[in-house]
Each structure stands twice: as C-alpha cells, then as structure tokens.
Amino acid sequence: MDFAFYSEVIWRLLGGLPMTLNIAFVSVAVGGLFAVGLALMQESGVAPLVWISRAYVFVFRGTPLLVQMFLIFYGLSQFPEIRASWAWTYLRQPYFCAVLALAMNTAAYTAEILRGGLQSVPFGQIEAARACGMSRVTLYRRVVLPIAVRQALPAYGTELILMVRATALASIITIMEITGIAQKINSETFRAIEVFVCAGVIYLAINFLLSRVVMALEHWLTPHLRAMPHEQLLAKVGDKL
C-alpha cells in the first residue's frame, strides 16, 4: 500500500471539509426554520395552508435532489425577471444554489418528522396541562415541544446524516467540497479506488461524530435514561440489539 499517497490525498481532501460542513449545517439551519413553518401549517387545520404544505412535501420528497439542484442552478437563470432582480446576486453563485436546493429538500423531510413528533404527544398530558391553567404558549413550551423534540430526534438525526452525505452532490455544480476535490485528484492521478476510499473514510468519520452527538442529546432529553445506572442502560441497549 502506498501510505504516502493516502496521506497526501487525505490531507488534500481535508481542505474541502470546511466547505462540506458549512453547506451541510447552513442548509440544515435554513431548512429547519422552513420545516417548522410547514409542520405548523399542516397542524393548523386551515385547509389552504394544509394543502400548500402537503403539496410542497409531496413535490420535494417525490423528486430527486439532483434534479432539484439542476433546476435551481441552471433553470432559474432562464427567467429574465430573476436575472434582473436582487436575487440574481446570490442565485448566480453555485454555493447559494446548493444551499437553497439542500435546504428546500431537507425542509420537506424535516416537516414530516416534526409533524410526527407533534402528533406523538399524549393527549392526556395536553389535557392535564390545560387543566392546570397553562396558556397555549406555555403549553407548547413546557409540554408539547419537549416531548415532540424527544420523539422526533432519532429520525432527525438520520436526516442530518443524510444531509452531510447529500453535500457530495454540490460537486456537480462546481463546488470544491470533499467530493469535488476527490474528483479533481482522480482526474490528475487516475487512482479512483484510493481517492474515493479516502473520501468515504472522511464522510464516515463526520457521520460517526454526528451520530454520537445526537445520541448524547437524546440521552440528555430523556430523564429516565439519565437516572438509570450505567450497567442497566447497557443491558437495555443490548436487549434491543
């Protein structure tokens, strides 16, 4: 094995790590805010809002992310109104197109995750909070949202991992993140296996750390797991496996 080549490739690929993380977390942040609005629209009971939210989720979950990215990066430039607007300052740049495509895509999935979390809150706890005289805002802040977030966290952790992986598609529109740099190195050396194995290792490391963070957050949000002795917790996890 050519360890010198592997070390050189990994060092060069790490140069794209900041861009990969930047795209992933900006997209998740923007998409998360949009997803909250979509989830609340579906739970509002107002028919037009419900249908708009459902249509958005249907379209963005039913079409490939790569197609959505191409439509934003190549398709929006065909409209003179967009080229003449202030938005063209951003939409002409690959970075903002990639973030927009990823954010709009993850918003559809995250909205469904949040909606499922909201619907999983036991109705008895909501009724008990109302009987205590809680206002609607206090009810959501102290009862509904903590339970909904806890229930939605495992699925949302998976969505975060998928988003990190999806940033590789940004290389298609000339962004030099990890995969973009890997393609460049491959075109120079024609050693595809070594180059893309190194890229895969970096993605595995990122997602491993991310999964540990999500597990720690899930443990922190679950009081009965925090109170459980370490040996019992390990035994419980082993039983599930």
C-alpha atoms as a PDB file:
ATOM      1  CA  MET A   1       0.000   0.000   0.000  1.00  0.00           C
ATOM      2  CA  ASP A   2       1.199   3.476  -0.863  1.00  0.00           C
ATOM      3  CA  PHE A   3       0.752   5.152   2.517  1.00  0.00           C
ATOM      4  CA  ALA A   4       2.444   8.316   1.308  1.00  0.00           C
ATOM      5  CA  PHE A   5      -0.190   8.685  -1.416  1.00  0.00           C
ATOM      6  CA  TYR A   6      -3.042   8.003   1.045  1.00  0.00           C
ATOM      7  CA  SER A   7      -1.744  10.601   3.479  1.00  0.00           C
ATOM      8  CA  GLU A   8      -1.363  13.172   0.699  1.00  0.00           C
ATOM      9  CA  VAL A   9      -4.881  12.524  -0.589  1.00  0.00           C
ATOM     10  CA  ILE A  10      -6.466  12.745   2.857  1.00  0.00           C
ATOM     11  CA  TRP A  11      -4.602  15.969   3.572  1.00  0.00           C
ATOM     12  CA  ARG A  12      -5.872  17.483   0.315  1.00  0.00           C
ATOM     13  CA  LEU A  13      -9.410  16.239   0.911  1.00  0.00           C
ATOM     14  CA  LEU A  14      -9.467  17.791   4.369  1.00  0.00           C
ATOM     15  CA  GLY A  15      -9.128  21.127   2.612  1.00  0.00           C
ATOM     16  CA  GLY A  16     -12.734  20.657   1.461  1.00  0.00           C
ATOM     17  CA  LEU A  17     -14.008  19.761   4.926  1.00  0.00           C
ATOM     18  CA  PRO A  18     -14.898  23.346   5.968  1.00  0.00           C
ATOM     19  CA  MET A  19     -16.975  23.810   2.798  1.00  0.00           C
ATOM     20  CA  THR A  20     -18.736  20.473   3.304  1.00  0.00           C
ATOM     21  CA  LEU A  21     -19.634  21.292   6.912  1.00  0.00           C
ATOM     22  CA  ASN A  22     -20.633  24.838   6.001  1.00  0.00           C
ATOM     23  CA  ILE A  23     -23.033  23.707   3.287  1.00  0.00           C
ATOM     24  CA  ALA A  24     -24.482  20.955   5.468  1.00  0.00           C
ATOM     25  CA  PHE A  25     -25.163  22.996   8.588  1.00  0.00           C
ATOM     26  CA  VAL A  26     -26.337  26.172   6.832  1.00  0.00           C
ATOM     27  CA  SER A  27     -28.757  24.059   4.789  1.00  0.00           C
ATOM     28  CA  VAL A  28     -29.982  22.250   7.903  1.00  0.00           C
ATOM     29  CA  ALA A  29     -30.470  25.531   9.776  1.00  0.00           C
ATOM     30  CA  VAL A  30     -32.387  27.223   6.954  1.00  0.00           C
ATOM     31  CA  GLY A  31     -34.349  24.081   6.149  1.00  0.00           C
ATOM     32  CA  GLY A  32     -35.189  23.568   9.822  1.00  0.00           C
ATOM     33  CA  LEU A  33     -36.754  27.002  10.122  1.00  0.00           C
ATOM     34  CA  PHE A  34     -38.766  26.416   6.962  1.00  0.00           C
ATOM     35  CA  ALA A  35     -39.795  22.966   8.205  1.00  0.00           C
ATOM     36  CA  VAL A  36     -41.236  24.404  11.422  1.00  0.00           C
ATOM     37  CA  GLY A  37     -43.497  26.632   9.344  1.00  0.00           C
ATOM     38  CA  LEU A  38     -44.562  23.726   7.129  1.00  0.00           C
ATOM     39  CA  ALA A  39     -45.305  21.498  10.127  1.00  0.00           C
ATOM     40  CA  LEU A  40     -47.368  24.224  11.813  1.00  0.00           C
ATOM     41  CA  MET A  41     -49.253  24.797   8.541  1.00  0.00           C
ATOM     42  CA  GLN A  42     -50.201  21.115   8.412  1.00  0.00           C
ATOM     43  CA  GLU A  43     -51.306  21.164  12.050  1.00  0.00           C
ATOM     44  CA  SER A  44     -53.203  24.453  11.719  1.00  0.00           C
ATOM     45  CA  GLY A  45     -56.404  22.902  10.417  1.00  0.00           C
ATOM     46  CA  VAL A  46     -56.749  25.686   7.810  1.00  0.00           C
ATOM     47  CA  ALA A  47     -57.441  23.879   4.550  1.00  0.00           C
ATOM     48  CA  PRO A  48     -55.437  26.133   2.150  1.00  0.00           C
ATOM     49  CA  LEU A  49     -52.377  26.049   4.427  1.00  0.00           C
ATOM     50  CA  VAL A  50     -52.645  22.301   4.875  1.00  0.00           C
ATOM     51  CA  TRP A  51     -52.844  21.665   1.127  1.00  0.00           C
ATOM     52  CA  ILE A  52     -49.955  24.035   0.349  1.00  0.00           C
ATOM     53  CA  SER A  53     -47.771  22.293   2.903  1.00  0.00           C
ATOM     54  CA  ARG A  54     -48.744  18.828   1.685  1.00  0.00           C
ATOM     55  CA  ALA A  55     -48.105  19.786  -1.936  1.00  0.00           C
ATOM     56  CA  TYR A  56     -44.659  21.124  -1.076  1.00  0.00           C
ATOM     57  CA  VAL A  57     -43.740  17.967   0.853  1.00  0.00           C
ATOM     58  CA  PHE A  58     -45.072  15.755  -1.949  1.00  0.00           C
ATOM     59  CA  VAL A  59     -43.046  17.529  -4.638  1.00  0.00           C
ATOM     60  CA  PHE A  60     -39.730  17.764  -2.800  1.00  0.00           C
ATOM     61  CA  ARG A  61     -39.888  14.252  -1.347  1.00  0.00           C
ATOM     62  CA  GLY A  62     -41.003  12.756  -4.644  1.00  0.00           C
ATOM     63  CA  THR A  63     -38.309  14.189  -6.916  1.00  0.00           C
ATOM     64  CA  PRO A  64     -34.527  13.560  -6.833  1.00  0.00           C
ATOM     65  CA  LEU A  65     -32.372  16.106  -5.046  1.00  0.00           C
ATOM     66  CA  LEU A  66     -30.016  16.220  -8.019  1.00  0.00           C
ATOM     67  CA  VAL A  67     -32.891  17.269 -10.309  1.00  0.00           C
ATOM     68  CA  GLN A  68     -33.900  19.976  -7.833  1.00  0.00           C
ATOM     69  CA  MET A  69     -30.328  21.259  -7.710  1.00  0.00           C
ATOM     70  CA  PHE A  70     -30.107  21.386 -11.505  1.00  0.00           C
ATOM     71  CA  LEU A  71     -33.436  23.218 -11.742  1.00  0.00           C
ATOM     72  CA  ILE A  72     -32.257  25.865  -9.291  1.00  0.00           C
ATOM     73  CA  PHE A  73     -28.724  26.260 -10.661  1.00  0.00           C
ATOM     74  CA  TYR A  74     -29.464  26.018 -14.399  1.00  0.00           C
ATOM     75  CA  GLY A  75     -33.210  26.593 -14.611  1.00  0.00           C
ATOM     76  CA  LEU A  76     -33.726  29.850 -12.718  1.00  0.00           C
ATOM     77  CA  SER A  77     -31.265  31.682 -14.992  1.00  0.00           C
ATOM     78  CA  GLN A  78     -33.707  31.241 -17.897  1.00  0.00           C
ATOM     79  CA  PHE A  79     -36.147  33.730 -16.365  1.00  0.00           C
ATOM     80  CA  PRO A  80     -35.313  37.366 -17.231  1.00  0.00           C
ATOM     81  CA  GLU A  81     -37.266  38.562 -14.182  1.00  0.00           C
ATOM     82  CA  ILE A  82     -34.951  36.641 -11.887  1.00  0.00           C
ATOM     83  CA  ARG A  83     -31.805  37.831 -13.677  1.00  0.00           C
ATOM     84  CA  ALA A  84     -33.000  41.412 -13.286  1.00  0.00           C
ATOM     85  CA  SER A  85     -33.863  41.068  -9.589  1.00  0.00           C
ATOM     86  CA  TRP A  86     -31.750  41.382  -6.442  1.00  0.00           C
ATOM     87  CA  ALA A  87     -31.917  37.597  -6.022  1.00  0.00           C
ATOM     88  CA  TRP A  88     -29.659  37.078  -9.029  1.00  0.00           C
ATOM     89  CA  THR A  89     -26.720  38.364  -6.997  1.00  0.00           C
ATOM     90  CA  TYR A  90     -26.987  35.156  -4.965  1.00  0.00           C
ATOM     91  CA  LEU A  91     -28.562  32.696  -7.412  1.00  0.00           C
ATOM     92  CA  ARG A  92     -25.728  33.154  -9.884  1.00  0.00           C
ATOM     93  CA  GLN A  93     -23.328  31.648  -7.338  1.00  0.00           C
ATOM     94  CA  PRO A  94     -23.078  27.837  -7.021  1.00  0.00           C
ATOM     95  CA  TYR A  95     -22.776  27.986  -3.232  1.00  0.00           C
ATOM     96  CA  PHE A  96     -26.125  29.695  -2.679  1.00  0.00           C
ATOM     97  CA  CYS A  97     -27.832  27.454  -5.236  1.00  0.00           C
ATOM     98  CA  ALA A  98     -26.533  24.349  -3.459  1.00  0.00           C
ATOM     99  CA  VAL A  99     -27.625  25.644  -0.044  1.00  0.00           C
ATOM    100  CA  LEU A 100     -31.052  26.588  -1.382  1.00  0.00           C
ATOM    101  CA  ALA A 101     -31.592  23.188  -3.005  1.00  0.00           C
ATOM    102  CA  LEU A 102     -30.455  21.273   0.061  1.00  0.00           C
ATOM    103  CA  ALA A 103     -32.451  23.493   2.444  1.00  0.00           C
ATOM    104  CA  MET A 104     -35.674  23.171   0.447  1.00  0.00           C
ATOM    105  CA  ASN A 105     -35.209  19.412   0.196  1.00  0.00           C
ATOM    106  CA  THR A 106     -34.489  18.812   3.877  1.00  0.00           C
ATOM    107  CA  ALA A 107     -37.366  21.116   4.854  1.00  0.00           C
ATOM    108  CA  ALA A 108     -39.830  18.662   3.298  1.00  0.00           C
ATOM    109  CA  TYR A 109     -38.429  15.687   5.211  1.00  0.00           C
ATOM    110  CA  THR A 110     -37.963  17.588   8.458  1.00  0.00           C
ATOM    111  CA  ALA A 111     -41.527  18.923   8.327  1.00  0.00           C
ATOM    112  CA  GLU A 112     -42.843  15.363   8.281  1.00  0.00           C
ATOM    113  CA  ILE A 113     -40.517  14.402  11.143  1.00  0.00           C
ATOM    114  CA  LEU A 114     -41.738  17.352  13.215  1.00  0.00           C
ATOM    115  CA  ARG A 115     -45.358  16.640  12.374  1.00  0.00           C
ATOM    116  CA  GLY A 116     -44.923  13.069  13.550  1.00  0.00           C
ATOM    117  CA  GLY A 117     -43.304  14.313  16.753  1.00  0.00           C
ATOM    118  CA  LEU A 118     -46.169  16.726  17.429  1.00  0.00           C
ATOM    119  CA  GLN A 119     -48.768  14.021  16.859  1.00  0.00           C
ATOM    120  CA  SER A 120     -46.951  11.655  19.224  1.00  0.00           C
ATOM    121  CA  VAL A 121     -47.560  13.886  22.253  1.00  0.00           C
ATOM    122  CA  PRO A 122     -50.073  12.082  24.509  1.00  0.00           C
ATOM    123  CA  PHE A 123     -53.398  13.889  24.538  1.00  0.00           C
ATOM    124  CA  GLY A 124     -53.777  13.195  28.248  1.00  0.00           C
ATOM    125  CA  GLN A 125     -50.720  15.314  29.037  1.00  0.00           C
ATOM    126  CA  ILE A 126     -52.114  18.172  26.976  1.00  0.00           C
ATOM    127  CA  GLU A 127     -55.441  17.948  28.798  1.00  0.00           C
ATOM    128  CA  ALA A 128     -53.635  17.874  32.158  1.00  0.00           C
ATOM    129  CA  ALA A 129     -51.658  20.998  31.255  1.00  0.00           C
ATOM    130  CA  ARG A 130     -54.852  22.784  30.211  1.00  0.00           C
ATOM    131  CA  ALA A 131     -56.497  21.760  33.491  1.00  0.00           C
ATOM    132  CA  CYS A 132     -53.590  23.419  35.315  1.00  0.00           C
ATOM    133  CA  GLY A 133     -54.425  26.680  33.548  1.00  0.00           C
ATOM    134  CA  MET A 134     -51.471  26.804  31.148  1.00  0.00           C
ATOM    135  CA  SER A 135     -51.753  29.226  28.255  1.00  0.00           C
ATOM    136  CA  ARG A 136     -51.286  27.952  24.699  1.00  0.00           C
ATOM    137  CA  VAL A 137     -47.743  29.342  24.524  1.00  0.00           C
ATOM    138  CA  THR A 138     -46.774  27.839  27.893  1.00  0.00           C
ATOM    139  CA  LEU A 139     -48.373  24.545  26.903  1.00  0.00           C
ATOM    140  CA  TYR A 140     -46.244  24.324  23.768  1.00  0.00           C
ATOM    141  CA  ARG A 141     -43.085  25.496  25.530  1.00  0.00           C
ATOM    142  CA  ARG A 142     -43.269  23.245  28.579  1.00  0.00           C
ATOM    143  CA  VAL A 143     -45.207  20.183  27.403  1.00  0.00           C
ATOM    144  CA  VAL A 144     -45.700  19.776  23.660  1.00  0.00           C
ATOM    145  CA  LEU A 145     -42.346  20.848  22.241  1.00  0.00           C
ATOM    146  CA  PRO A 146     -40.087  18.965  24.709  1.00  0.00           C
ATOM    147  CA  ILE A 147     -41.957  15.715  24.074  1.00  0.00           C
ATOM    148  CA  ALA A 148     -42.186  16.287  20.319  1.00  0.00           C
ATOM    149  CA  VAL A 149     -38.471  17.065  20.021  1.00  0.00           C
ATOM    150  CA  ARG A 150     -37.574  13.962  22.018  1.00  0.00           C
ATOM    151  CA  GLN A 151     -39.758  11.763  19.829  1.00  0.00           C
ATOM    152  CA  ALA A 152     -38.516  13.302  16.588  1.00  0.00           C
ATOM    153  CA  LEU A 153     -34.819  13.369  17.485  1.00  0.00           C
ATOM    154  CA  PRO A 154     -33.823   9.850  16.286  1.00  0.00           C
ATOM    155  CA  ALA A 155     -35.413  10.393  12.869  1.00  0.00           C
ATOM    156  CA  TYR A 156     -33.977  13.901  12.655  1.00  0.00           C
ATOM    157  CA  GLY A 157     -30.521  12.551  13.471  1.00  0.00           C
ATOM    158  CA  THR A 158     -30.831  10.294  10.431  1.00  0.00           C
ATOM    159  CA  GLU A 159     -31.840  13.298   8.336  1.00  0.00           C
ATOM    160  CA  LEU A 160     -28.732  15.188   9.480  1.00  0.00           C
ATOM    161  CA  ILE A 161     -26.531  12.281   8.388  1.00  0.00           C
ATOM    162  CA  LEU A 162     -28.309  12.144   5.032  1.00  0.00           C
ATOM    163  CA  MET A 163     -27.723  15.860   4.569  1.00  0.00           C
ATOM    164  CA  VAL A 164     -23.984  15.508   5.164  1.00  0.00           C
ATOM    165  CA  ARG A 165     -23.920  12.798   2.516  1.00  0.00           C
ATOM    166  CA  ALA A 166     -26.048  14.886   0.155  1.00  0.00           C
ATOM    167  CA  THR A 167     -23.470  17.686   0.150  1.00  0.00           C
ATOM    168  CA  ALA A 168     -21.471  15.490  -2.248  1.00  0.00           C
ATOM    169  CA  LEU A 169     -23.956  16.488  -4.956  1.00  0.00           C
ATOM    170  CA  ALA A 170     -22.729  20.077  -4.689  1.00  0.00           C
ATOM    171  CA  SER A 171     -19.614  18.983  -6.596  1.00  0.00           C
ATOM    172  CA  ILE A 172     -21.826  18.585  -9.677  1.00  0.00           C
ATOM    173  CA  ILE A 173     -22.276  22.370  -9.799  1.00  0.00           C
ATOM    174  CA  THR A 174     -18.540  23.102  -9.442  1.00  0.00           C
ATOM    175  CA  ILE A 175     -18.303  23.478  -5.645  1.00  0.00           C
ATOM    176  CA  MET A 176     -14.982  22.170  -4.362  1.00  0.00           C
ATOM    177  CA  GLU A 177     -16.026  20.352  -1.224  1.00  0.00           C
ATOM    178  CA  ILE A 178     -14.696  16.895  -0.317  1.00  0.00           C
ATOM    179  CA  THR A 179     -16.176  15.070  -3.312  1.00  0.00           C
ATOM    180  CA  GLY A 180     -15.276  17.887  -5.702  1.00  0.00           C
ATOM    181  CA  ILE A 181     -11.654  17.762  -4.586  1.00  0.00           C
ATOM    182  CA  ALA A 182     -11.717  13.949  -4.833  1.00  0.00           C
ATOM    183  CA  GLN A 183     -12.878  14.184  -8.444  1.00  0.00           C
ATOM    184  CA  LYS A 184     -10.096  16.656  -9.191  1.00  0.00           C
ATOM    185  CA  ILE A 185      -7.440  14.385  -7.639  1.00  0.00           C
ATOM    186  CA  ASN A 186      -8.840  11.404  -9.543  1.00  0.00           C
ATOM    187  CA  SER A 187      -8.587  13.285 -12.843  1.00  0.00           C
ATOM    188  CA  GLU A 188      -4.932  14.008 -12.052  1.00  0.00           C
ATOM    189  CA  THR A 189      -3.882  10.544 -10.824  1.00  0.00           C
ATOM    190  CA  PHE A 190      -6.478   8.094 -12.268  1.00  0.00           C
ATOM    191  CA  ARG A 191      -6.405   6.210  -8.942  1.00  0.00           C
ATOM    192  CA  ALA A 192     -10.119   6.216  -8.267  1.00  0.00           C
ATOM    193  CA  ILE A 193     -10.214   3.474  -5.636  1.00  0.00           C
ATOM    194  CA  GLU A 194      -7.632   5.051  -3.346  1.00  0.00           C
ATOM    195  CA  VAL A 195      -9.008   8.569  -3.765  1.00  0.00           C
ATOM    196  CA  PHE A 196     -12.659   7.772  -3.152  1.00  0.00           C
ATOM    197  CA  VAL A 197     -11.877   5.352  -0.312  1.00  0.00           C
ATOM    198  CA  CYS A 198     -10.172   8.261   1.449  1.00  0.00           C
ATOM    199  CA  ALA A 199     -13.197  10.471   0.761  1.00  0.00           C
ATOM    200  CA  GLY A 200     -15.501   7.774   2.129  1.00  0.00           C
ATOM    201  CA  VAL A 201     -13.442   7.485   5.306  1.00  0.00           C
ATOM    202  CA  ILE A 202     -13.777  11.223   5.917  1.00  0.00           C
ATOM    203  CA  TYR A 203     -17.563  11.087   5.442  1.00  0.00           C
ATOM    204  CA  LEU A 204     -17.734   8.091   7.802  1.00  0.00           C
ATOM    205  CA  ALA A 205     -15.797   9.997  10.454  1.00  0.00           C
ATOM    206  CA  ILE A 206     -18.068  13.038  10.158  1.00  0.00           C
ATOM    207  CA  ASN A 207     -21.241  10.980  10.412  1.00  0.00           C
ATOM    208  CA  PHE A 208     -19.885   8.906  13.291  1.00  0.00           C
ATOM    209  CA  LEU A 209     -19.229  12.036  15.329  1.00  0.00           C
ATOM    210  CA  LEU A 210     -22.612  13.449  14.351  1.00  0.00           C
ATOM    211  CA  SER A 211     -24.405  10.266  15.427  1.00  0.00           C
ATOM    212  CA  ARG A 212     -22.613  10.381  18.799  1.00  0.00           C
ATOM    213  CA  VAL A 213     -23.766  13.972  19.326  1.00  0.00           C
ATOM    214  CA  VAL A 214     -27.367  13.038  18.515  1.00  0.00           C
ATOM    215  CA  MET A 215     -27.224  10.062  20.891  1.00  0.00           C
ATOM    216  CA  ALA A 216     -25.836  12.263  23.673  1.00  0.00           C
ATOM    217  CA  LEU A 217     -28.597  14.828  23.088  1.00  0.00           C
ATOM    218  CA  GLU A 218     -31.228  12.095  23.088  1.00  0.00           C
ATOM    219  CA  HIS A 219     -29.857  10.770  26.371  1.00  0.00           C
ATOM    220  CA  TRP A 220     -29.885  14.263  27.898  1.00  0.00           C
ATOM    221  CA  LEU A 221     -33.508  14.817  26.873  1.00  0.00           C
ATOM    222  CA  THR A 222     -34.614  11.521  28.423  1.00  0.00           C
ATOM    223  CA  PRO A 223     -34.635  11.858  32.232  1.00  0.00           C
ATOM    224  CA  HIS A 224     -35.333   8.180  32.948  1.00  0.00           C
ATOM    225  CA  LEU A 225     -32.250   7.187  30.924  1.00  0.00           C
ATOM    226  CA  ARG A 226     -30.097   9.683  32.812  1.00  0.00           C
ATOM    227  CA  ALA A 227     -31.297   8.272  36.126  1.00  0.00           C
ATOM    228  CA  MET A 228     -30.659   4.668  35.053  1.00  0.00           C
ATOM    229  CA  PRO A 229     -27.356   3.140  36.238  1.00  0.00           C
ATOM    230  CA  HIS A 230     -24.779   2.661  33.517  1.00  0.00           C
ATOM    231  CA  GLU A 231     -24.896  -1.146  33.731  1.00  0.00           C
ATOM    232  CA  GLN A 232     -28.691  -1.237  33.384  1.00  0.00           C
ATOM    233  CA  LEU A 233     -28.556   1.150  30.447  1.00  0.00           C
ATOM    234  CA  LEU A 234     -26.033  -1.065  28.637  1.00  0.00           C
ATOM    235  CA  ALA A 235     -28.165  -4.134  29.354  1.00  0.00           C
ATOM    236  CA  LYS A 236     -31.251  -2.385  27.997  1.00  0.00           C
ATOM    237  CA  VAL A 237     -29.440  -1.379  24.802  1.00  0.00           C
ATOM    238  CA  GLY A 238     -28.136  -4.943  24.451  1.00  0.00           C
ATOM    239  CA  ASP A 239     -31.673  -6.342  24.744  1.00  0.00           C
ATOM    240  CA  LYS A 240     -32.855  -4.077  21.928  1.00  0.00           C
ATOM    241  CA  LEU A 241     -29.991  -5.217  19.707  1.00  0.00           C
END
